[in-house]
């Protein structure tokens, strides 16, 4: 598989992973909760998905190139905020749009 197609697969996986905590009512997608998820649970899941996608990216880089490029703190900060932007549709759905849908 070409490196460019792996990049697009990684971006698509990041978009899906960033939105999953806002769309699921189960804790870490397995444990059903009787009262529903709280905001801190969703943020914890979101952060764990960020770390999981980061590990996947490091693994893919090591697999395709053979080594990992050293990165400074700016790289990880930008990745964090990009992942936050990716989660925006799920966040809006959960905290704004769902209320309007349930009213109808």
PDB file of N, CA and C in Angstrom:
ATOM      1  N   UNK A   1       0.850  -1.168   0.000  1.00  0.00           N
ATOM      2  CA  UNK A   1       0.000   0.000   0.000  1.00  0.00           C
ATOM      3  C   UNK A   1       0.902   1.240   0.000  1.00  0.00           C
ATOM      4  N   UNK A   2       0.534   2.210  -0.780  1.00  0.00           N
ATOM      5  CA  UNK A   2       1.334   3.430  -0.904  1.00  0.00           C
ATOM      6  C   UNK A   2       1.237   4.272   0.367  1.00  0.00           C
ATOM      7  N   UNK A   3       2.289   5.023   0.627  1.00  0.00           N
ATOM      8  CA  UNK A   3       2.333   5.854   1.839  1.00  0.00           C
ATOM      9  C   UNK A   3       1.258   6.927   1.827  1.00  0.00           C
ATOM     10  N   UNK A   4       0.937   7.463   0.648  1.00  0.00           N
ATOM     11  CA  UNK A   4      -0.079   8.514   0.589  1.00  0.00           C
ATOM     12  C   UNK A   4      -1.467   7.967   0.940  1.00  0.00           C
ATOM     13  N   UNK A   5      -1.750   6.740   0.536  1.00  0.00           N
ATOM     14  CA  UNK A   5      -3.047   6.172   0.896  1.00  0.00           C
ATOM     15  C   UNK A   5      -3.110   5.836   2.382  1.00  0.00           C
ATOM     16  N   UNK A   6      -1.978   5.473   2.983  1.00  0.00           N
ATOM     17  CA  UNK A   6      -1.960   5.236   4.426  1.00  0.00           C
ATOM     18  C   UNK A   6      -2.217   6.523   5.203  1.00  0.00           C
ATOM     19  N   UNK A   7      -1.731   7.634   4.684  1.00  0.00           N
ATOM     20  CA  UNK A   7      -1.979   8.920   5.340  1.00  0.00           C
ATOM     21  C   UNK A   7      -3.468   9.243   5.330  1.00  0.00           C
ATOM     22  N   UNK A   8      -4.126   9.016   4.205  1.00  0.00           N
ATOM     23  CA  UNK A   8      -5.566   9.294   4.127  1.00  0.00           C
ATOM     24  C   UNK A   8      -6.368   8.339   5.005  1.00  0.00           C
ATOM     25  N   UNK A   9      -5.937   7.096   5.102  1.00  0.00           N
ATOM     26  CA  UNK A   9      -6.605   6.144   5.998  1.00  0.00           C
ATOM     27  C   UNK A   9      -6.419   6.574   7.449  1.00  0.00           C
ATOM     28  N   UNK A  10      -5.228   7.058   7.791  1.00  0.00           N
ATOM     29  CA  UNK A  10      -4.971   7.528   9.148  1.00  0.00           C
ATOM     30  C   UNK A  10      -5.816   8.759   9.478  1.00  0.00           C
ATOM     31  N   UNK A  11      -5.961   9.673   8.542  1.00  0.00           N
ATOM     32  CA  UNK A  11      -6.798  10.863   8.764  1.00  0.00           C
ATOM     33  C   UNK A  11      -8.259  10.470   8.934  1.00  0.00           C
ATOM     34  N   UNK A  12      -8.742   9.547   8.118  1.00  0.00           N
ATOM     35  CA  UNK A  12     -10.125   9.076   8.248  1.00  0.00           C
ATOM     36  C   UNK A  12     -10.331   8.371   9.587  1.00  0.00           C
ATOM     37  N   UNK A  13      -9.365   7.564  10.004  1.00  0.00           N
ATOM     38  CA  UNK A  13      -9.461   6.895  11.303  1.00  0.00           C
ATOM     39  C   UNK A  13      -9.459   7.908  12.439  1.00  0.00           C
ATOM     40  N   UNK A  14      -8.683   8.981  12.304  1.00  0.00           N
ATOM     41  CA  UNK A  14      -8.642  10.022  13.329  1.00  0.00           C
ATOM     42  C   UNK A  14      -9.974  10.758  13.425  1.00  0.00           C
ATOM     43  N   UNK A  15     -10.594  11.034  12.295  1.00  0.00           N
ATOM     44  CA  UNK A  15     -11.892  11.717  12.303  1.00  0.00           C
ATOM     45  C   UNK A  15     -12.953  10.844  12.963  1.00  0.00           C
ATOM     46  N   UNK A  16     -12.978   9.577  12.618  1.00  0.00           N
ATOM     47  CA  UNK A  16     -13.946   8.653  13.226  1.00  0.00           C
ATOM     48  C   UNK A  16     -13.673   8.500  14.715  1.00  0.00           C
ATOM     49  N   UNK A  17     -12.399   8.304  15.081  1.00  0.00           N
ATOM     50  CA  UNK A  17     -12.053   8.109  16.490  1.00  0.00           C
ATOM     51  C   UNK A  17     -12.343   9.345  17.331  1.00  0.00           C
ATOM     52  N   UNK A  18     -12.169  10.522  16.782  1.00  0.00           N
ATOM     53  CA  UNK A  18     -12.431  11.749  17.534  1.00  0.00           C
ATOM     54  C   UNK A  18     -13.913  11.930  17.823  1.00  0.00           C
ATOM     55  N   UNK A  19     -14.768  11.392  16.972  1.00  0.00           N
ATOM     56  CA  UNK A  19     -16.208  11.572  17.142  1.00  0.00           C
ATOM     57  C   UNK A  19     -16.884  10.432  17.902  1.00  0.00           C
ATOM     58  N   UNK A  20     -16.253   9.287  18.019  1.00  0.00           N
ATOM     59  CA  UNK A  20     -16.880   8.143  18.680  1.00  0.00           C
ATOM     60  C   UNK A  20     -17.292   8.392  20.130  1.00  0.00           C
ATOM     61  N   UNK A  21     -16.477   9.049  20.963  1.00  0.00           N
ATOM     62  CA  UNK A  21     -16.919   9.256  22.350  1.00  0.00           C
ATOM     63  C   UNK A  21     -18.199  10.073  22.479  1.00  0.00           C
ATOM     64  N   UNK A  22     -18.474  10.928  21.520  1.00  0.00           N
ATOM     65  CA  UNK A  22     -19.668  11.772  21.602  1.00  0.00           C
ATOM     66  C   UNK A  22     -20.904  11.049  21.075  1.00  0.00           C
ATOM     67  N   UNK A  23     -20.717   9.962  20.346  1.00  0.00           N
ATOM     68  CA  UNK A  23     -21.844   9.266  19.735  1.00  0.00           C
ATOM     69  C   UNK A  23     -22.269   8.022  20.498  1.00  0.00           C
ATOM     70  N   UNK A  24     -21.422   7.496  21.346  1.00  0.00           N
ATOM     71  CA  UNK A  24     -21.705   6.264  22.075  1.00  0.00           C
ATOM     72  C   UNK A  24     -22.118   6.572  23.510  1.00  0.00           C
ATOM     73  N   UNK A  25     -23.016   5.778  24.055  1.00  0.00           N
ATOM     74  CA  UNK A  25     -23.441   5.923  25.441  1.00  0.00           C
ATOM     75  C   UNK A  25     -22.779   4.904  26.352  1.00  0.00           C
ATOM     76  N   UNK A  26     -21.903   4.057  25.808  1.00  0.00           N
ATOM     77  CA  UNK A  26     -21.192   3.073  26.603  1.00  0.00           C
ATOM     78  C   UNK A  26     -19.802   3.584  26.945  1.00  0.00           C
ATOM     79  N   UNK A  27     -19.336   3.263  28.128  1.00  0.00           N
ATOM     80  CA  UNK A  27     -18.013   3.676  28.561  1.00  0.00           C
ATOM     81  C   UNK A  27     -16.970   2.836  27.846  1.00  0.00           C
ATOM     82  N   UNK A  28     -16.088   3.478  27.134  1.00  0.00           N
ATOM     83  CA  UNK A  28     -15.077   2.843  26.286  1.00  0.00           C
ATOM     84  C   UNK A  28     -15.715   1.840  25.312  1.00  0.00           C
ATOM     85  N   UNK A  29     -16.949   2.119  24.910  1.00  0.00           N
ATOM     86  CA  UNK A  29     -17.693   1.392  23.878  1.00  0.00           C
ATOM     87  C   UNK A  29     -18.056  -0.030  24.284  1.00  0.00           C
ATOM     88  N   UNK A  30     -17.844  -0.382  25.560  1.00  0.00           N
ATOM     89  CA  UNK A  30     -18.111  -1.740  26.014  1.00  0.00           C
ATOM     90  C   UNK A  30     -19.021  -1.765  27.231  1.00  0.00           C
ATOM     91  N   UNK A  31     -18.754  -0.919  28.206  1.00  0.00           N
ATOM     92  CA  UNK A  31     -19.429  -0.969  29.493  1.00  0.00           C
ATOM     93  C   UNK A  31     -20.708  -0.126  29.446  1.00  0.00           C
ATOM     94  N   UNK A  32     -21.886  -0.758  29.545  1.00  0.00           N
ATOM     95  CA  UNK A  32     -23.125   0.030  29.560  1.00  0.00           C
ATOM     96  C   UNK A  32     -23.289   0.748  30.899  1.00  0.00           C
ATOM     97  N   UNK A  33     -23.752   1.984  30.831  1.00  0.00           N
ATOM     98  CA  UNK A  33     -23.965   2.784  32.030  1.00  0.00           C
ATOM     99  C   UNK A  33     -25.456   3.031  32.213  1.00  0.00           C
ATOM    100  N   UNK A  34     -25.916   2.931  33.455  1.00  0.00           N
ATOM    101  CA  UNK A  34     -27.345   3.099  33.703  1.00  0.00           C
ATOM    102  C   UNK A  34     -27.776   4.567  33.612  1.00  0.00           C
ATOM    103  N   UNK A  35     -26.896   5.493  34.005  1.00  0.00           N
ATOM    104  CA  UNK A  35     -27.269   6.901  34.011  1.00  0.00           C
ATOM    105  C   UNK A  35     -26.733   7.670  32.817  1.00  0.00           C
ATOM    106  N   UNK A  36     -26.064   7.026  31.915  1.00  0.00           N
ATOM    107  CA  UNK A  36     -25.471   7.713  30.786  1.00  0.00           C
ATOM    108  C   UNK A  36     -24.088   8.230  31.132  1.00  0.00           C
ATOM    109  N   UNK A  37     -23.382   8.676  30.133  1.00  0.00           N
ATOM    110  CA  UNK A  37     -22.013   9.160  30.333  1.00  0.00           C
ATOM    111  C   UNK A  37     -22.008  10.614  30.748  1.00  0.00           C
ATOM    112  N   UNK A  38     -21.079  10.938  31.607  1.00  0.00           N
ATOM    113  CA  UNK A  38     -20.870  12.333  31.984  1.00  0.00           C
ATOM    114  C   UNK A  38     -19.831  12.943  31.051  1.00  0.00           C
ATOM    115  N   UNK A  39     -19.689  14.236  31.118  1.00  0.00           N
ATOM    116  CA  UNK A  39     -18.771  14.942  30.224  1.00  0.00           C
ATOM    117  C   UNK A  39     -17.330  14.504  30.459  1.00  0.00           C
ATOM    118  N   UNK A  40     -16.924  14.322  31.712  1.00  0.00           N
ATOM    119  CA  UNK A  40     -15.546  13.931  31.975  1.00  0.00           C
ATOM    120  C   UNK A  40     -15.249  12.540  31.428  1.00  0.00           C
ATOM    121  N   UNK A  41     -16.252  11.663  31.387  1.00  0.00           N
ATOM    122  CA  UNK A  41     -16.058  10.330  30.805  1.00  0.00           C
ATOM    123  C   UNK A  41     -15.825  10.435  29.299  1.00  0.00           C
ATOM    124  N   UNK A  42     -16.589  11.294  28.662  1.00  0.00           N
ATOM    125  CA  UNK A  42     -16.413  11.502  27.221  1.00  0.00           C
ATOM    126  C   UNK A  42     -15.042  12.101  26.916  1.00  0.00           C
ATOM    127  N   UNK A  43     -14.615  13.051  27.754  1.00  0.00           N
ATOM    128  CA  UNK A  43     -13.297  13.651  27.542  1.00  0.00           C
ATOM    129  C   UNK A  43     -12.176  12.646  27.785  1.00  0.00           C
ATOM    130  N   UNK A  44     -12.343  11.768  28.765  1.00  0.00           N
ATOM    131  CA  UNK A  44     -11.354  10.722  29.008  1.00  0.00           C
ATOM    132  C   UNK A  44     -11.288   9.757  27.827  1.00  0.00           C
ATOM    133  N   UNK A  45     -12.436   9.384  27.300  1.00  0.00           N
ATOM    134  CA  UNK A  45     -12.457   8.530  26.099  1.00  0.00           C
ATOM    135  C   UNK A  45     -11.826   9.236  24.911  1.00  0.00           C
ATOM    136  N   UNK A  46     -12.127  10.521  24.762  1.00  0.00           N
ATOM    137  CA  UNK A  46     -11.566  11.285  23.648  1.00  0.00           C
ATOM    138  C   UNK A  46     -10.046  11.346  23.748  1.00  0.00           C
ATOM    139  N   UNK A  47      -9.534  11.581  24.949  1.00  0.00           N
ATOM    140  CA  UNK A  47      -8.088  11.636  25.147  1.00  0.00           C
ATOM    141  C   UNK A  47      -7.442  10.272  24.887  1.00  0.00           C
ATOM    142  N   UNK A  48      -8.108   9.208  25.309  1.00  0.00           N
ATOM    143  CA  UNK A  48      -7.559   7.870  25.041  1.00  0.00           C
ATOM    144  C   UNK A  48      -7.577   7.559  23.544  1.00  0.00           C
ATOM    145  N   UNK A  49      -8.591   8.031  22.823  1.00  0.00           N
ATOM    146  CA  UNK A  49      -8.624   7.838  21.374  1.00  0.00           C
ATOM    147  C   UNK A  49      -7.510   8.642  20.709  1.00  0.00           C
ATOM    148  N   UNK A  50      -7.227   9.836  21.227  1.00  0.00           N
ATOM    149  CA  UNK A  50      -6.120  10.648  20.716  1.00  0.00           C
ATOM    150  C   UNK A  50      -4.800   9.894  20.872  1.00  0.00           C
ATOM    151  N   UNK A  51      -4.584   9.318  22.043  1.00  0.00           N
ATOM    152  CA  UNK A  51      -3.356   8.566  22.279  1.00  0.00           C
ATOM    153  C   UNK A  51      -3.288   7.309  21.419  1.00  0.00           C
ATOM    154  N   UNK A  52      -4.423   6.643  21.232  1.00  0.00           N
ATOM    155  CA  UNK A  52      -4.469   5.442  20.391  1.00  0.00           C
ATOM    156  C   UNK A  52      -4.147   5.764  18.936  1.00  0.00           C
ATOM    157  N   UNK A  53      -4.716   6.835  18.415  1.00  0.00           N
ATOM    158  CA  UNK A  53      -4.418   7.251  17.039  1.00  0.00           C
ATOM    159  C   UNK A  53      -2.963   7.692  16.922  1.00  0.00           C
ATOM    160  N   UNK A  54      -2.435   8.336  17.956  1.00  0.00           N
ATOM    161  CA  UNK A  54      -1.029   8.721  17.950  1.00  0.00           C
ATOM    162  C   UNK A  54      -0.112   7.507  17.893  1.00  0.00           C
ATOM    163  N   UNK A  55      -0.445   6.472  18.666  1.00  0.00           N
ATOM    164  CA  UNK A  55       0.358   5.243  18.614  1.00  0.00           C
ATOM    165  C   UNK A  55       0.249   4.561  17.256  1.00  0.00           C
ATOM    166  N   UNK A  56      -0.949   4.597  16.674  1.00  0.00           N
ATOM    167  CA  UNK A  56      -1.131   4.043  15.328  1.00  0.00           C
ATOM    168  C   UNK A  56      -0.295   4.800  14.312  1.00  0.00           C
ATOM    169  N   UNK A  57      -0.259   6.113  14.429  1.00  0.00           N
ATOM    170  CA  UNK A  57       0.530   6.935  13.504  1.00  0.00           C
ATOM    171  C   UNK A  57       2.021   6.652  13.647  1.00  0.00           C
ATOM    172  N   UNK A  58       2.485   6.522  14.873  1.00  0.00           N
ATOM    173  CA  UNK A  58       3.894   6.206  15.092  1.00  0.00           C
ATOM    174  C   UNK A  58       4.227   4.828  14.526  1.00  0.00           C
ATOM    175  N   UNK A  59       3.333   3.869  14.724  1.00  0.00           N
ATOM    176  CA  UNK A  59       3.545   2.539  14.176  1.00  0.00           C
ATOM    177  C   UNK A  59       3.570   2.524  12.654  1.00  0.00           C
ATOM    178  N   UNK A  60       2.648   3.259  12.029  1.00  0.00           N
ATOM    179  CA  UNK A  60       2.634   3.337  10.567  1.00  0.00           C
ATOM    180  C   UNK A  60       3.871   4.025  10.028  1.00  0.00           C
ATOM    181  N   UNK A  61       4.337   5.064  10.716  1.00  0.00           N
ATOM    182  CA  UNK A  61       5.551   5.748  10.283  1.00  0.00           C
ATOM    183  C   UNK A  61       6.760   4.820  10.380  1.00  0.00           C
ATOM    184  N   UNK A  62       6.828   4.072  11.454  1.00  0.00           N
ATOM    185  CA  UNK A  62       7.932   3.134  11.619  1.00  0.00           C
ATOM    186  C   UNK A  62       7.865   2.018  10.581  1.00  0.00           C
ATOM    187  N   UNK A  63       6.657   1.586  10.246  1.00  0.00           N
ATOM    188  CA  UNK A  63       6.482   0.497   9.266  1.00  0.00           C
ATOM    189  C   UNK A  63       6.819   0.953   7.849  1.00  0.00           C
ATOM    190  N   UNK A  64       6.389   2.153   7.471  1.00  0.00           N
ATOM    191  CA  UNK A  64       6.595   2.604   6.090  1.00  0.00           C
ATOM    192  C   UNK A  64       7.981   3.170   5.852  1.00  0.00           C
ATOM    193  N   UNK A  65       8.525   3.930   6.813  1.00  0.00           N
ATOM    194  CA  UNK A  65       9.817   4.590   6.617  1.00  0.00           C
ATOM    195  C   UNK A  65      10.957   3.765   7.214  1.00  0.00           C
ATOM    196  N   UNK A  66      10.661   3.067   8.298  1.00  0.00           N
ATOM    197  CA  UNK A  66      11.693   2.283   8.950  1.00  0.00           C
ATOM    198  C   UNK A  66      12.208   2.909  10.216  1.00  0.00           C
ATOM    199  N   UNK A  67      11.895   4.171  10.449  1.00  0.00           N
ATOM    200  CA  UNK A  67      12.284   4.854  11.684  1.00  0.00           C
ATOM    201  C   UNK A  67      11.298   5.990  11.936  1.00  0.00           C
ATOM    202  N   UNK A  68      11.376   6.539  13.126  1.00  0.00           N
ATOM    203  CA  UNK A  68      10.503   7.661  13.483  1.00  0.00           C
ATOM    204  C   UNK A  68      11.308   8.945  13.504  1.00  0.00           C
ATOM    205  N   UNK A  69      10.748   9.994  12.929  1.00  0.00           N
ATOM    206  CA  UNK A  69      11.395  11.302  12.957  1.00  0.00           C
ATOM    207  C   UNK A  69      11.213  11.914  14.339  1.00  0.00           C
ATOM    208  N   UNK A  70      12.254  12.491  14.918  1.00  0.00           N
ATOM    209  CA  UNK A  70      12.076  13.148  16.219  1.00  0.00           C
ATOM    210  C   UNK A  70      11.210  14.402  16.069  1.00  0.00           C
ATOM    211  N   UNK A  71      10.289  14.592  17.009  1.00  0.00           N
ATOM    212  CA  UNK A  71       9.371  15.727  16.967  1.00  0.00           C
ATOM    213  C   UNK A  71       9.509  16.547  18.247  1.00  0.00           C
ATOM    214  N   UNK A  72       9.276  17.837  18.132  1.00  0.00           N
ATOM    215  CA  UNK A  72       9.275  18.715  19.294  1.00  0.00           C
ATOM    216  C   UNK A  72       7.851  18.879  19.808  1.00  0.00           C
ATOM    217  N   UNK A  73       7.684  19.678  20.849  1.00  0.00           N
ATOM    218  CA  UNK A  73       6.395  19.852  21.483  1.00  0.00           C
ATOM    219  C   UNK A  73       5.383  20.520  20.555  1.00  0.00           C
ATOM    220  N   UNK A  74       5.844  21.349  19.616  1.00  0.00           N
ATOM    221  CA  UNK A  74       4.925  22.038  18.702  1.00  0.00           C
ATOM    222  C   UNK A  74       4.132  21.047  17.850  1.00  0.00           C
ATOM    223  N   UNK A  75       4.794  19.997  17.418  1.00  0.00           N
ATOM    224  CA  UNK A  75       4.148  18.971  16.595  1.00  0.00           C
ATOM    225  C   UNK A  75       2.982  18.331  17.347  1.00  0.00           C
ATOM    226  N   UNK A  76       3.215  17.965  18.594  1.00  0.00           N
ATOM    227  CA  UNK A  76       2.173  17.298  19.382  1.00  0.00           C
ATOM    228  C   UNK A  76       1.056  18.258  19.769  1.00  0.00           C
ATOM    229  N   UNK A  77       1.383  19.520  19.983  1.00  0.00           N
ATOM    230  CA  UNK A  77       0.356  20.513  20.289  1.00  0.00           C
ATOM    231  C   UNK A  77      -0.565  20.724  19.090  1.00  0.00           C
ATOM    232  N   UNK A  78       0.019  20.833  17.914  1.00  0.00           N
ATOM    233  CA  UNK A  78      -0.785  20.999  16.705  1.00  0.00           C
ATOM    234  C   UNK A  78      -1.648  19.765  16.458  1.00  0.00           C
ATOM    235  N   UNK A  79      -1.085  18.578  16.654  1.00  0.00           N
ATOM    236  CA  UNK A  79      -1.873  17.355  16.493  1.00  0.00           C
ATOM    237  C   UNK A  79      -3.027  17.291  17.474  1.00  0.00           C
ATOM    238  N   UNK A  80      -2.792  17.718  18.701  1.00  0.00           N
ATOM    239  CA  UNK A  80      -3.848  17.731  19.707  1.00  0.00           C
ATOM    240  C   UNK A  80      -5.004  18.622  19.274  1.00  0.00           C
ATOM    241  N   UNK A  81      -4.687  19.813  18.785  1.00  0.00           N
ATOM    242  CA  UNK A  81      -5.749  20.734  18.386  1.00  0.00           C
ATOM    243  C   UNK A  81      -6.421  20.318  17.079  1.00  0.00           C
ATOM    244  N   UNK A  82      -5.696  19.666  16.190  1.00  0.00           N
ATOM    245  CA  UNK A  82      -6.334  19.123  14.987  1.00  0.00           C
ATOM    246  C   UNK A  82      -7.318  18.027  15.373  1.00  0.00           C
ATOM    247  N   UNK A  83      -6.925  17.178  16.321  1.00  0.00           N
ATOM    248  CA  UNK A  83      -7.834  16.128  16.797  1.00  0.00           C
ATOM    249  C   UNK A  83      -9.056  16.745  17.476  1.00  0.00           C
ATOM    250  N   UNK A  84      -8.854  17.874  18.139  1.00  0.00           N
ATOM    251  CA  UNK A  84      -9.969  18.576  18.764  1.00  0.00           C
ATOM    252  C   UNK A  84     -10.934  19.107  17.694  1.00  0.00           C
ATOM    253  N   UNK A  85     -10.408  19.627  16.605  1.00  0.00           N
ATOM    254  CA  UNK A  85     -11.246  20.105  15.506  1.00  0.00           C
ATOM    255  C   UNK A  85     -11.990  18.948  14.855  1.00  0.00           C
ATOM    256  N   UNK A  86     -11.320  17.805  14.730  1.00  0.00           N
ATOM    257  CA  UNK A  86     -11.983  16.625  14.179  1.00  0.00           C
ATOM    258  C   UNK A  86     -13.178  16.208  15.043  1.00  0.00           C
ATOM    259  N   UNK A  87     -13.115  16.423  16.349  1.00  0.00           N
ATOM    260  CA  UNK A  87     -14.187  16.019  17.261  1.00  0.00           C
ATOM    261  C   UNK A  87     -15.344  17.011  17.294  1.00  0.00           C
ATOM    262  N   UNK A  88     -15.211  18.127  16.642  1.00  0.00           N
ATOM    263  CA  UNK A  88     -16.236  19.172  16.701  1.00  0.00           C
ATOM    264  C   UNK A  88     -17.622  18.706  16.223  1.00  0.00           C
ATOM    265  N   UNK A  89     -17.748  17.971  15.109  1.00  0.00           N
ATOM    266  CA  UNK A  89     -19.094  17.539  14.706  1.00  0.00           C
ATOM    267  C   UNK A  89     -19.782  16.653  15.739  1.00  0.00           C
ATOM    268  N   UNK A  90     -19.064  15.722  16.343  1.00  0.00           N
ATOM    269  CA  UNK A  90     -19.662  14.867  17.364  1.00  0.00           C
ATOM    270  C   UNK A  90     -20.045  15.642  18.608  1.00  0.00           C
ATOM    271  N   UNK A  91     -19.215  16.603  18.995  1.00  0.00           N
ATOM    272  CA  UNK A  91     -19.505  17.439  20.148  1.00  0.00           C
ATOM    273  C   UNK A  91     -20.758  18.274  19.912  1.00  0.00           C
ATOM    274  N   UNK A  92     -20.865  18.882  18.748  1.00  0.00           N
ATOM    275  CA  UNK A  92     -22.051  19.684  18.407  1.00  0.00           C
ATOM    276  C   UNK A  92     -23.298  18.812  18.361  1.00  0.00           C
ATOM    277  N   UNK A  93     -23.155  17.614  17.807  1.00  0.00           N
ATOM    278  CA  UNK A  93     -24.297  16.698  17.761  1.00  0.00           C
ATOM    279  C   UNK A  93     -24.778  16.374  19.169  1.00  0.00           C
ATOM    280  N   UNK A  94     -23.854  16.054  20.065  1.00  0.00           N
ATOM    281  CA  UNK A  94     -24.226  15.635  21.419  1.00  0.00           C
ATOM    282  C   UNK A  94     -24.795  16.785  22.245  1.00  0.00           C
ATOM    283  N   UNK A  95     -24.198  17.944  22.187  1.00  0.00           N
ATOM    284  CA  UNK A  95     -24.565  19.010  23.120  1.00  0.00           C
ATOM    285  C   UNK A  95     -25.464  20.085  22.532  1.00  0.00           C
ATOM    286  N   UNK A  96     -25.738  20.060  21.242  1.00  0.00           N
ATOM    287  CA  UNK A  96     -26.617  21.078  20.670  1.00  0.00           C
ATOM    288  C   UNK A  96     -27.683  20.453  19.777  1.00  0.00           C
ATOM    289  N   UNK A  97     -27.278  19.735  18.778  1.00  0.00           N
ATOM    290  CA  UNK A  97     -28.214  19.228  17.781  1.00  0.00           C
ATOM    291  C   UNK A  97     -29.173  18.188  18.348  1.00  0.00           C
ATOM    292  N   UNK A  98     -28.703  17.336  19.252  1.00  0.00           N
ATOM    293  CA  UNK A  98     -29.546  16.289  19.807  1.00  0.00           C
ATOM    294  C   UNK A  98     -30.738  16.869  20.580  1.00  0.00           C
ATOM    295  N   UNK A  99     -30.534  18.005  21.255  1.00  0.00           N
ATOM    296  CA  UNK A  99     -31.624  18.656  21.975  1.00  0.00           C
ATOM    297  C   UNK A  99     -32.712  19.135  21.003  1.00  0.00           C
ATOM    298  N   UNK A 100     -32.287  19.660  19.872  1.00  0.00           N
ATOM    299  CA  UNK A 100     -33.262  20.135  18.871  1.00  0.00           C
ATOM    300  C   UNK A 100     -33.981  18.960  18.202  1.00  0.00           C
ATOM    301  N   UNK A 101     -33.285  17.878  17.988  1.00  0.00           N
ATOM    302  CA  UNK A 101     -33.915  16.696  17.387  1.00  0.00           C
ATOM    303  C   UNK A 101     -34.927  16.093  18.343  1.00  0.00           C
ATOM    304  N   UNK A 102     -34.600  16.031  19.636  1.00  0.00           N
ATOM    305  CA  UNK A 102     -35.525  15.453  20.612  1.00  0.00           C
ATOM    306  C   UNK A 102     -36.759  16.320  20.853  1.00  0.00           C
ATOM    307  N   UNK A 103     -36.639  17.631  20.608  1.00  0.00           N
ATOM    308  CA  UNK A 103     -37.807  18.510  20.738  1.00  0.00           C
ATOM    309  C   UNK A 103     -38.858  18.196  19.693  1.00  0.00           C
ATOM    310  N   UNK A 104     -38.406  17.864  18.503  1.00  0.00           N
ATOM    311  CA  UNK A 104     -39.330  17.573  17.406  1.00  0.00           C
ATOM    312  C   UNK A 104     -39.906  16.219  17.643  1.00  0.00           C
TER     313      UNK A 104
END
